[in-house]
Protein backbone atom coordinates (compact mmCIF):
# COMPACT_ATOMS: atom_id res chain seq x y z
CA UNK A 1 -10.71 0.28 14.08
CA UNK A 2 -11.90 -2.06 11.36
CA UNK A 3 -9.97 -5.26 10.90
CA UNK A 4 -8.62 -6.71 7.67
CA UNK A 5 -11.20 -9.47 7.80
CA UNK A 6 -14.00 -6.90 7.48
CA UNK A 7 -12.76 -6.15 3.95
CA UNK A 8 -11.73 -9.54 2.57
CA UNK A 9 -14.95 -9.98 0.61
CA UNK A 10 -14.68 -6.47 -0.83
CA UNK A 11 -11.57 -7.09 -2.93
CA UNK A 12 -9.13 -5.53 -0.47
CA UNK A 13 -5.64 -6.93 -0.08
CA UNK A 14 -3.62 -6.87 3.14
CA UNK A 15 -0.20 -5.17 2.85
CA UNK A 16 2.16 -6.11 5.68
CA UNK A 17 5.71 -5.02 6.45
CA UNK A 18 5.13 -2.05 4.16
CA UNK A 19 7.12 1.06 3.37
CA UNK A 20 6.27 4.19 1.37
CA UNK A 21 8.50 5.60 -1.35
CA UNK A 22 8.47 8.96 -3.11
CA UNK A 23 10.21 10.79 -5.90
CA UNK A 24 10.16 14.06 -3.94
CA UNK A 25 13.26 16.21 -3.69
CA UNK A 26 13.58 19.84 -2.58
CA UNK A 27 13.32 20.72 -6.29
CA UNK A 28 10.28 18.59 -7.20
CA UNK A 29 7.16 20.58 -8.02
CA UNK A 30 4.30 19.63 -5.67
CA UNK A 31 2.11 18.49 -8.56
CA UNK A 32 4.87 16.14 -9.75
CA UNK A 33 5.34 14.30 -6.45
CA UNK A 34 4.41 10.61 -6.62
CA UNK A 35 4.20 7.96 -3.92
CA UNK A 36 4.16 4.17 -4.11
CA UNK A 37 4.60 1.36 -1.61
CA UNK A 38 6.39 -1.93 -1.17
CA UNK A 39 5.31 -4.70 1.15
CA UNK A 40 4.17 -8.29 1.52
CA UNK A 41 0.69 -9.01 0.18
CA UNK A 42 -1.93 -11.38 1.54
CA UNK A 43 -5.17 -12.15 -0.24
CA UNK A 44 -3.99 -10.80 -3.60
CA UNK A 45 -5.53 -12.63 -6.58
CA UNK A 46 -2.29 -12.61 -8.61
CA UNK A 47 0.37 -13.23 -5.95
CA UNK A 48 0.98 -15.92 -3.33
CA UNK A 49 0.59 -14.80 0.28
CA UNK A 50 3.78 -13.22 1.58
CA UNK A 51 5.06 -12.13 -1.84
CA UNK A 52 6.99 -8.84 -1.80
CA UNK A 53 5.40 -6.42 -4.28
CA UNK A 54 5.76 -2.83 -5.42
CA UNK A 55 2.42 -1.08 -5.85
CA UNK A 56 1.43 1.25 -8.62
CA UNK A 57 1.14 4.93 -7.64
CA UNK A 58 -0.93 5.69 -4.55
CA UNK A 59 -4.11 7.52 -5.51
CA UNK A 60 -5.76 7.92 -2.11
CA UNK A 61 -5.32 7.13 1.56
CA UNK A 62 -8.26 6.99 3.96
CA UNK A 63 -7.30 5.75 7.40
CA UNK A 64 -5.61 2.38 6.78
CA UNK A 65 -7.12 1.96 3.30
CA UNK A 66 -4.78 2.74 0.41
CA UNK A 67 -6.01 2.77 -3.18
CA UNK A 68 -3.81 2.41 -6.22
CA UNK A 69 -4.82 2.19 -9.86
CA UNK A 70 -5.17 -1.58 -9.67
CA UNK A 71 -5.70 -2.59 -6.04
CA UNK A 72 -7.21 -1.47 -2.74
CA UNK A 73 -4.99 -2.32 0.24
CA UNK A 74 -5.54 -2.49 3.96
CA UNK A 75 -2.34 -1.60 5.76
CA UNK A 76 -1.05 -3.99 8.39
CA UNK A 77 2.20 -3.36 10.26
CA UNK A 78 4.71 -0.89 8.86
CA UNK A 79 8.27 -2.11 8.21
CA UNK A 80 10.20 -1.66 11.46
CA UNK A 81 13.03 0.39 9.93
CA UNK A 82 10.75 2.44 7.64
CA UNK A 83 10.49 5.34 10.06
């Protein structure tokens, strides 16, 4: 697996202690389901390392790379109680 340090120069931000969130209910139409994440960021140009942030909506996930409208993240460790 690639490490975070392989992406630092490519504008990727590390997201640690992360958790996914969704608006899905049994009544939500599939095309209306949205997901976003919260976690601590490292290497973000607008936030100090370790700042807890909420991402914009997740647009794509490829392996441990998550893209939102504004930022590409590399996922670190998931929040322990997120499962």
